[in-house]
Every structure is written in C-alpha cells, then in structure tokens.
C-alpha cells in the first residue's frame, strides 16, 4: 500500500515521501497516528502544498527534542528492585518504570515507546539506555539498578 509521510520517521522516510508499506502497518500505525496519508492524487497535491509547514513543525519538534536531550543526556538514574542473593532481579526493569522515574526527577514527559534499553535489564548493575526523542535526536542515560532487599 502506498502512503505519503507527514513527518520524518527513522528508517522509513522523510516528509512528503511516497513509500510502499504493508497494509496493516499503514492502517494501524502510520495513518491512525497521523504520521501518513493514503497516497491518492488529491492527498499528494495537498501534501505538496503544506510540505513547508510540515517541515517547520518537524524542526520545532526537533528543537524541543534537543532541549530535552540536553537535560537528560549522560545522567544517571537509580532504581531499587527486589533481588535474589546472586544479584538477579525478580522480573526486569521496564521502559514504563524508566519513564516514570524521569518524570519524577526531571518533570519531563517521555513515552515508554521512546525508551530502548541496549539489553534487557534483569540484574543489579549499571545499564545504558537509549532514548529516541526525534528521528534525528537521541539521548543516552545510565540506569543504576540497586537492590531494595534480598529474599532467600
């Protein structure tokens, strides 16, 4: 299915590109989140007219993302979790927990979908976590997992 992108998306394309994607991806993600339109003749001409406006909005989003990145980049966040004697966690540290922690400490709204742990956090220690704020702006934080208490 052909769609026209309304914003820059990492690994997919940039504003105004007409791309071929699977029907489900187009319908369930791109179009439902207003990131793309069906590639009809009317829509293509409409997107050409408002392309500069869309670019301005994207640049504004990029500037906002850069400001957020400056605030959180290279920062360290501590999380306390229940663990076993051999430093393994009961469960794991999820992106939603990391997002809540950033909201509590820095008062910034970061969606859990933006958070990409380098590897799954299932033990005590320090872990690098990448946060994708914009298609061109990433931040990296350090999550320090500490033991709340051990259970035998």
N, C-alpha and C. Protein backbone atom coordinates (compact mmCIF):
# COMPACT_ATOMS: atom_id res chain seq x y z
N UNK A 1 0.84 -1.17 0.00
CA UNK A 1 0.00 0.00 0.00
C UNK A 1 0.89 1.25 0.00
N UNK A 2 0.53 2.21 -0.82
CA UNK A 2 1.32 3.44 -0.91
C UNK A 2 0.74 4.50 0.03
N UNK A 3 1.66 5.15 0.78
CA UNK A 3 1.26 6.23 1.68
C UNK A 3 2.23 7.40 1.52
N UNK A 4 1.78 8.59 1.96
CA UNK A 4 2.64 9.79 1.94
C UNK A 4 2.96 10.12 3.40
N UNK A 5 4.23 10.29 3.71
CA UNK A 5 4.62 10.58 5.08
C UNK A 5 4.36 12.04 5.43
N UNK A 6 3.85 12.27 6.64
CA UNK A 6 3.58 13.61 7.13
C UNK A 6 4.64 14.08 8.12
N UNK A 7 5.56 13.18 8.49
CA UNK A 7 6.68 13.56 9.35
C UNK A 7 7.87 12.66 9.08
N UNK A 8 9.04 13.11 9.53
CA UNK A 8 10.26 12.32 9.35
C UNK A 8 10.23 11.14 10.31
N UNK A 9 10.44 9.94 9.77
CA UNK A 9 10.45 8.74 10.60
C UNK A 9 11.75 7.99 10.36
N UNK A 10 12.41 7.63 11.45
CA UNK A 10 13.68 6.92 11.37
C UNK A 10 13.49 5.60 10.63
N UNK A 11 14.36 5.28 9.72
CA UNK A 11 14.39 4.04 8.93
C UNK A 11 13.21 3.88 7.98
N UNK A 12 12.36 4.92 7.85
CA UNK A 12 11.21 4.81 6.95
C UNK A 12 11.27 5.84 5.84
N UNK A 13 11.42 7.12 6.20
CA UNK A 13 11.49 8.17 5.19
C UNK A 13 11.28 9.54 5.79
N UNK A 14 11.24 10.54 4.92
CA UNK A 14 11.06 11.91 5.40
C UNK A 14 9.75 12.50 4.86
N UNK A 15 9.43 13.70 5.30
CA UNK A 15 8.17 14.36 4.96
C UNK A 15 7.95 14.42 3.45
N UNK A 16 6.75 14.05 3.03
CA UNK A 16 6.39 14.13 1.62
C UNK A 16 6.77 12.92 0.78
N UNK A 17 7.54 11.98 1.36
CA UNK A 17 7.93 10.78 0.61
C UNK A 17 6.71 9.88 0.39
N UNK A 18 6.59 9.35 -0.82
CA UNK A 18 5.56 8.36 -1.10
C UNK A 18 6.26 7.01 -1.00
N UNK A 19 5.84 6.21 -0.01
CA UNK A 19 6.50 4.93 0.22
C UNK A 19 5.51 3.78 0.16
N UNK A 20 6.05 2.60 -0.05
CA UNK A 20 5.26 1.38 -0.10
C UNK A 20 5.45 0.65 1.23
N UNK A 21 4.36 0.43 1.95
CA UNK A 21 4.43 -0.29 3.23
C UNK A 21 3.33 -1.35 3.27
N UNK A 22 3.42 -2.25 4.23
CA UNK A 22 2.39 -3.27 4.37
C UNK A 22 1.09 -2.62 4.84
N UNK A 23 0.00 -3.18 4.40
CA UNK A 23 -1.33 -2.61 4.66
C UNK A 23 -1.59 -2.42 6.16
N UNK A 24 -1.28 -3.40 6.98
CA UNK A 24 -1.51 -3.33 8.43
C UNK A 24 -0.70 -2.23 9.08
N UNK A 25 0.57 -2.10 8.68
CA UNK A 25 1.44 -1.06 9.24
C UNK A 25 0.90 0.32 8.89
N UNK A 26 0.43 0.47 7.65
CA UNK A 26 -0.12 1.75 7.21
C UNK A 26 -1.38 2.09 7.99
N UNK A 27 -2.30 1.13 8.04
CA UNK A 27 -3.60 1.38 8.67
C UNK A 27 -3.50 1.50 10.19
N UNK A 28 -2.78 0.58 10.83
CA UNK A 28 -2.77 0.51 12.29
C UNK A 28 -1.79 1.47 12.95
N UNK A 29 -0.72 1.87 12.26
CA UNK A 29 0.26 2.74 12.90
C UNK A 29 0.36 4.10 12.21
N UNK A 30 0.76 4.11 10.95
CA UNK A 30 1.04 5.38 10.27
C UNK A 30 -0.20 6.28 10.17
N UNK A 31 -1.29 5.75 9.66
CA UNK A 31 -2.48 6.57 9.43
C UNK A 31 -3.21 6.85 10.74
N UNK A 32 -3.31 5.85 11.63
CA UNK A 32 -4.03 6.07 12.89
C UNK A 32 -3.29 7.06 13.80
N UNK A 33 -1.97 7.16 13.69
CA UNK A 33 -1.19 8.13 14.48
C UNK A 33 -0.92 9.43 13.72
N UNK A 34 -1.59 9.61 12.60
CA UNK A 34 -1.47 10.81 11.76
C UNK A 34 -0.03 11.08 11.33
N UNK A 35 0.68 10.01 11.01
CA UNK A 35 2.05 10.13 10.52
C UNK A 35 2.08 9.99 9.00
N UNK A 36 0.95 9.58 8.40
CA UNK A 36 0.89 9.41 6.95
C UNK A 36 -0.55 9.51 6.46
N UNK A 37 -0.69 9.68 5.14
CA UNK A 37 -2.00 9.68 4.47
C UNK A 37 -1.96 8.67 3.33
N UNK A 38 -3.13 8.17 2.93
CA UNK A 38 -3.19 7.31 1.75
C UNK A 38 -2.67 8.10 0.55
N UNK A 39 -1.96 7.46 -0.35
CA UNK A 39 -1.35 8.15 -1.48
C UNK A 39 -2.32 8.28 -2.66
N UNK A 40 -3.38 9.06 -2.48
CA UNK A 40 -4.28 9.35 -3.59
C UNK A 40 -3.76 10.62 -4.28
N UNK A 41 -4.25 10.88 -5.50
CA UNK A 41 -3.79 12.07 -6.23
C UNK A 41 -4.09 13.36 -5.47
N UNK A 42 -5.28 13.41 -4.85
CA UNK A 42 -5.65 14.61 -4.08
C UNK A 42 -4.71 14.81 -2.89
N UNK A 43 -4.44 13.71 -2.16
CA UNK A 43 -3.57 13.81 -0.99
C UNK A 43 -2.15 14.20 -1.36
N UNK A 44 -1.65 13.68 -2.50
CA UNK A 44 -0.28 14.02 -2.93
C UNK A 44 -0.18 15.51 -3.21
N UNK A 45 -1.16 16.08 -3.92
CA UNK A 45 -1.12 17.51 -4.22
C UNK A 45 -1.30 18.35 -2.95
N UNK A 46 -2.12 17.87 -2.03
CA UNK A 46 -2.34 18.57 -0.76
C UNK A 46 -1.06 18.59 0.08
N UNK A 47 -0.35 17.47 0.14
CA UNK A 47 0.89 17.38 0.92
C UNK A 47 1.97 18.27 0.30
N UNK A 48 2.01 18.36 -1.02
CA UNK A 48 2.99 19.23 -1.68
C UNK A 48 2.78 20.69 -1.25
N UNK A 49 1.50 21.09 -1.10
CA UNK A 49 1.20 22.47 -0.71
C UNK A 49 1.63 22.76 0.73
N UNK A 50 1.41 21.80 1.62
CA UNK A 50 1.70 22.06 3.05
C UNK A 50 3.05 21.49 3.51
N UNK A 51 3.88 21.11 2.56
CA UNK A 51 5.16 20.48 2.90
C UNK A 51 6.05 21.41 3.74
N UNK A 52 6.12 22.69 3.39
CA UNK A 52 6.97 23.62 4.15
C UNK A 52 6.45 23.80 5.57
N UNK A 53 5.13 23.82 5.72
CA UNK A 53 4.53 23.94 7.04
C UNK A 53 4.86 22.72 7.90
N UNK A 54 4.79 21.55 7.28
CA UNK A 54 5.13 20.32 7.99
C UNK A 54 6.60 20.31 8.39
N UNK A 55 7.46 20.82 7.52
CA UNK A 55 8.89 20.90 7.82
C UNK A 55 9.15 21.81 9.02
N UNK A 56 8.42 22.94 9.08
CA UNK A 56 8.57 23.86 10.21
C UNK A 56 8.19 23.16 11.52
N UNK A 57 7.04 22.45 11.50
CA UNK A 57 6.59 21.74 12.69
C UNK A 57 7.62 20.69 13.11
N UNK A 58 8.18 19.99 12.12
CA UNK A 58 9.18 18.96 12.41
C UNK A 58 10.42 19.59 13.02
N UNK A 59 10.84 20.76 12.51
CA UNK A 59 12.00 21.45 13.08
C UNK A 59 11.74 21.89 14.52
N UNK A 60 10.51 22.35 14.79
CA UNK A 60 10.14 22.72 16.16
C UNK A 60 10.24 21.52 17.08
N UNK A 61 9.70 20.38 16.62
CA UNK A 61 9.78 19.14 17.41
C UNK A 61 11.23 18.75 17.66
N UNK A 62 12.05 18.95 16.62
CA UNK A 62 13.47 18.61 16.74
C UNK A 62 14.16 19.50 17.78
N UNK A 63 13.84 20.80 17.79
CA UNK A 63 14.42 21.72 18.78
C UNK A 63 13.99 21.33 20.19
N UNK A 64 12.70 20.99 20.35
CA UNK A 64 12.21 20.54 21.66
C UNK A 64 12.94 19.28 22.11
N UNK A 65 13.13 18.37 21.17
CA UNK A 65 13.83 17.12 21.48
C UNK A 65 15.27 17.39 21.90
N UNK A 66 15.92 18.36 21.24
CA UNK A 66 17.30 18.72 21.61
C UNK A 66 17.37 19.28 23.02
N UNK A 67 16.38 20.11 23.39
CA UNK A 67 16.34 20.67 24.75
C UNK A 67 16.20 19.56 25.79
N UNK A 68 15.30 18.62 25.52
CA UNK A 68 15.10 17.50 26.44
C UNK A 68 16.38 16.67 26.51
N UNK A 69 17.02 16.43 25.36
CA UNK A 69 18.25 15.65 25.33
C UNK A 69 19.34 16.31 26.17
N UNK A 70 19.44 17.63 26.11
CA UNK A 70 20.44 18.35 26.91
C UNK A 70 20.20 18.14 28.41
N UNK A 71 18.92 18.08 28.81
CA UNK A 71 18.60 17.93 30.23
C UNK A 71 18.91 16.53 30.76
N UNK A 72 18.69 15.49 29.92
CA UNK A 72 18.83 14.13 30.45
C UNK A 72 20.03 13.35 29.94
N UNK A 73 20.69 13.83 28.89
CA UNK A 73 21.79 13.07 28.30
C UNK A 73 22.91 12.83 29.32
N UNK A 74 23.40 11.61 29.37
CA UNK A 74 24.51 11.18 30.24
C UNK A 74 24.18 11.23 31.73
N UNK A 75 22.92 11.41 32.09
CA UNK A 75 22.54 11.42 33.51
C UNK A 75 22.39 9.99 34.01
N UNK A 76 22.49 9.85 35.33
CA UNK A 76 22.35 8.54 35.93
C UNK A 76 21.11 8.52 36.82
N UNK A 77 20.31 7.47 36.69
CA UNK A 77 19.09 7.32 37.46
C UNK A 77 19.17 6.03 38.27
N UNK A 78 18.80 6.11 39.55
CA UNK A 78 18.83 4.93 40.42
C UNK A 78 17.44 4.33 40.53
N UNK A 79 17.39 3.00 40.42
CA UNK A 79 16.14 2.26 40.60
C UNK A 79 16.41 1.16 41.62
N UNK A 80 15.52 1.02 42.60
CA UNK A 80 15.66 -0.05 43.58
C UNK A 80 14.64 -1.12 43.26
N UNK A 81 15.13 -2.37 43.19
CA UNK A 81 14.26 -3.50 42.87
C UNK A 81 14.58 -4.65 43.82
N UNK A 82 13.61 -5.52 44.04
CA UNK A 82 13.85 -6.73 44.83
C UNK A 82 14.77 -7.66 44.04
N UNK A 83 15.73 -8.27 44.75
CA UNK A 83 16.66 -9.15 44.04
C UNK A 83 16.96 -10.40 44.85
N UNK A 84 17.52 -11.39 44.17
CA UNK A 84 17.93 -12.63 44.83
C UNK A 84 19.35 -12.45 45.36
N UNK A 85 19.87 -13.49 46.02
CA UNK A 85 21.23 -13.42 46.57
C UNK A 85 22.30 -13.28 45.48
N UNK A 86 22.06 -13.88 44.31
CA UNK A 86 23.06 -13.80 43.23
C UNK A 86 22.79 -12.62 42.29
N UNK A 87 22.25 -11.53 42.82
CA UNK A 87 22.06 -10.25 42.13
C UNK A 87 21.16 -10.30 40.90
N UNK A 88 20.25 -11.23 40.84
CA UNK A 88 19.26 -11.25 39.76
C UNK A 88 17.97 -10.64 40.27
N UNK A 89 17.27 -9.93 39.39
CA UNK A 89 16.03 -9.26 39.79
C UNK A 89 14.83 -10.19 39.66
N UNK A 90 13.83 -9.93 40.49
CA UNK A 90 12.54 -10.59 40.29
C UNK A 90 11.83 -9.77 39.21
N UNK A 91 11.76 -10.30 38.03
CA UNK A 91 11.22 -9.54 36.90
C UNK A 91 12.34 -8.74 36.25
N UNK A 92 12.01 -7.63 35.64
CA UNK A 92 13.02 -6.79 34.99
C UNK A 92 12.60 -5.33 35.08
N UNK A 93 13.52 -4.43 34.73
CA UNK A 93 13.21 -3.00 34.71
C UNK A 93 12.63 -2.68 33.34
N UNK A 94 11.39 -2.24 33.31
CA UNK A 94 10.68 -1.99 32.06
C UNK A 94 10.79 -0.51 31.66
N UNK A 95 10.62 -0.21 30.37
CA UNK A 95 10.63 1.19 29.91
C UNK A 95 9.62 2.08 30.64
N UNK A 96 8.46 1.52 31.05
CA UNK A 96 7.47 2.33 31.76
C UNK A 96 8.02 2.81 33.11
N UNK A 97 8.80 1.96 33.78
CA UNK A 97 9.40 2.36 35.06
C UNK A 97 10.43 3.47 34.85
N UNK A 98 11.21 3.34 33.79
CA UNK A 98 12.23 4.35 33.49
C UNK A 98 11.55 5.68 33.15
N UNK A 99 10.46 5.63 32.37
CA UNK A 99 9.72 6.84 32.01
C UNK A 99 9.15 7.52 33.27
N UNK A 100 8.61 6.73 34.21
CA UNK A 100 8.08 7.30 35.46
C UNK A 100 9.18 7.96 36.26
N UNK A 101 10.34 7.32 36.31
CA UNK A 101 11.49 7.84 37.06
C UNK A 101 11.94 9.19 36.49
N UNK A 102 12.04 9.29 35.17
CA UNK A 102 12.44 10.54 34.52
C UNK A 102 11.39 11.62 34.79
N UNK A 103 10.11 11.24 34.77
CA UNK A 103 9.04 12.21 35.04
C UNK A 103 9.14 12.73 36.48
N UNK A 104 9.41 11.83 37.44
CA UNK A 104 9.53 12.24 38.85
C UNK A 104 10.71 13.18 39.06
N UNK A 105 11.86 12.82 38.49
CA UNK A 105 13.09 13.57 38.75
C UNK A 105 13.18 14.84 37.91
N UNK A 106 12.98 14.73 36.59
CA UNK A 106 13.18 15.87 35.69
C UNK A 106 11.90 16.56 35.24
N UNK A 107 10.74 16.04 35.62
CA UNK A 107 9.44 16.60 35.21
C UNK A 107 9.30 16.66 33.69
N UNK A 108 9.81 15.62 33.00
CA UNK A 108 9.72 15.55 31.54
C UNK A 108 8.84 14.37 31.14
N UNK A 109 7.95 14.60 30.18
CA UNK A 109 7.10 13.51 29.68
C UNK A 109 7.83 12.76 28.58
N UNK A 110 8.23 11.55 28.87
CA UNK A 110 8.87 10.70 27.87
C UNK A 110 8.03 9.43 27.77
N UNK A 111 7.61 9.11 26.56
CA UNK A 111 6.78 7.92 26.36
C UNK A 111 7.65 6.67 26.49
N UNK A 112 7.11 5.62 27.10
CA UNK A 112 7.88 4.37 27.21
C UNK A 112 8.31 3.82 25.85
N UNK A 113 7.56 4.12 24.79
CA UNK A 113 7.92 3.63 23.46
C UNK A 113 9.21 4.27 22.93
N UNK A 114 9.59 5.43 23.51
CA UNK A 114 10.83 6.09 23.09
C UNK A 114 12.07 5.46 23.72
N UNK A 115 11.86 4.70 24.78
CA UNK A 115 12.97 4.15 25.56
C UNK A 115 13.38 2.79 25.01
N UNK A 116 14.67 2.68 24.68
CA UNK A 116 15.20 1.43 24.11
C UNK A 116 16.39 0.96 24.93
N UNK A 117 16.17 0.03 25.90
CA UNK A 117 17.33 -0.49 26.63
C UNK A 117 18.25 -1.25 25.67
N UNK A 118 19.57 -1.09 25.85
CA UNK A 118 20.53 -1.77 24.98
C UNK A 118 20.35 -3.28 25.11
N UNK A 119 20.18 -3.75 26.36
CA UNK A 119 19.80 -5.15 26.58
C UNK A 119 18.82 -5.18 27.73
N UNK A 120 18.10 -6.28 27.88
CA UNK A 120 17.08 -6.37 28.93
C UNK A 120 17.72 -6.24 30.30
N UNK A 121 17.13 -5.45 31.17
CA UNK A 121 17.69 -5.19 32.49
C UNK A 121 17.09 -6.20 33.48
N UNK A 122 17.86 -7.25 33.82
CA UNK A 122 17.36 -8.29 34.70
C UNK A 122 18.27 -8.55 35.89
N UNK A 123 19.29 -7.70 36.09
CA UNK A 123 20.18 -7.90 37.22
C UNK A 123 20.61 -6.56 37.80
N UNK A 124 21.32 -6.62 38.92
CA UNK A 124 21.81 -5.40 39.56
C UNK A 124 23.04 -4.91 38.80
N UNK A 125 23.16 -3.59 38.66
CA UNK A 125 24.31 -3.02 37.96
C UNK A 125 23.92 -1.76 37.21
N UNK A 126 24.85 -1.28 36.38
CA UNK A 126 24.59 -0.08 35.58
C UNK A 126 24.34 -0.49 34.14
N UNK A 127 23.32 0.11 33.53
CA UNK A 127 22.94 -0.23 32.17
C UNK A 127 22.74 1.04 31.35
N UNK A 128 23.22 1.03 30.10
CA UNK A 128 22.98 2.15 29.19
C UNK A 128 21.61 1.98 28.57
N UNK A 129 20.88 3.10 28.50
CA UNK A 129 19.55 3.09 27.90
C UNK A 129 19.47 4.24 26.90
N UNK A 130 19.08 3.90 25.65
CA UNK A 130 18.95 4.92 24.61
C UNK A 130 17.51 5.42 24.58
N UNK A 131 17.37 6.74 24.47
CA UNK A 131 16.04 7.34 24.37
C UNK A 131 15.95 8.07 23.04
N UNK A 132 15.03 7.61 22.20
CA UNK A 132 14.85 8.19 20.88
C UNK A 132 13.80 9.29 20.97
N UNK A 133 14.25 10.54 21.01
CA UNK A 133 13.35 11.68 21.21
C UNK A 133 12.77 12.22 19.90
N UNK A 134 13.48 12.00 18.80
CA UNK A 134 13.09 12.50 17.48
C UNK A 134 13.82 11.60 16.49
N UNK A 135 13.41 11.64 15.23
CA UNK A 135 14.08 10.78 14.24
C UNK A 135 15.57 11.10 14.11
N UNK A 136 15.98 12.32 14.51
CA UNK A 136 17.39 12.71 14.40
C UNK A 136 18.03 13.02 15.74
N UNK A 137 17.29 12.91 16.85
CA UNK A 137 17.83 13.26 18.17
C UNK A 137 17.67 12.09 19.14
N UNK A 138 18.80 11.62 19.68
CA UNK A 138 18.80 10.56 20.67
C UNK A 138 19.51 11.04 21.91
N UNK A 139 19.12 10.49 23.05
CA UNK A 139 19.83 10.76 24.31
C UNK A 139 20.19 9.41 24.90
N UNK A 140 21.22 9.41 25.74
CA UNK A 140 21.61 8.17 26.39
C UNK A 140 21.72 8.42 27.88
N UNK A 141 21.04 7.57 28.66
CA UNK A 141 21.12 7.71 30.12
C UNK A 141 21.69 6.42 30.70
N UNK A 142 22.06 6.50 31.97
CA UNK A 142 22.58 5.34 32.68
C UNK A 142 21.57 4.98 33.75
N UNK A 143 21.13 3.73 33.78
CA UNK A 143 20.20 3.28 34.81
C UNK A 143 20.99 2.41 35.78
N UNK A 144 21.05 2.85 37.04
CA UNK A 144 21.79 2.14 38.07
C UNK A 144 20.78 1.35 38.90
N UNK A 145 20.76 0.01 38.72
CA UNK A 145 19.81 -0.83 39.44
C UNK A 145 20.45 -1.27 40.74
N UNK A 146 19.77 -0.95 41.85
CA UNK A 146 20.27 -1.31 43.18
C UNK A 146 19.29 -2.27 43.83
N UNK A 147 19.78 -3.00 44.80
CA UNK A 147 18.94 -3.97 45.50
C UNK A 147 18.14 -3.26 46.58
N UNK A 148 16.82 -3.44 46.56
CA UNK A 148 15.98 -2.89 47.62
C UNK A 148 16.16 -3.75 48.87
N UNK A 149 16.08 -5.06 48.67
CA UNK A 149 16.37 -6.04 49.72
C UNK A 149 16.46 -7.40 49.05
N UNK A 150 17.08 -8.34 49.71
CA UNK A 150 17.20 -9.68 49.11
C UNK A 150 16.24 -10.62 49.80
N UNK A 151 15.75 -11.57 49.04
CA UNK A 151 14.81 -12.56 49.56
C UNK A 151 15.45 -13.93 49.38
N UNK A 152 15.48 -14.72 50.42
CA UNK A 152 16.09 -16.06 50.33
C UNK A 152 15.10 -17.04 49.77
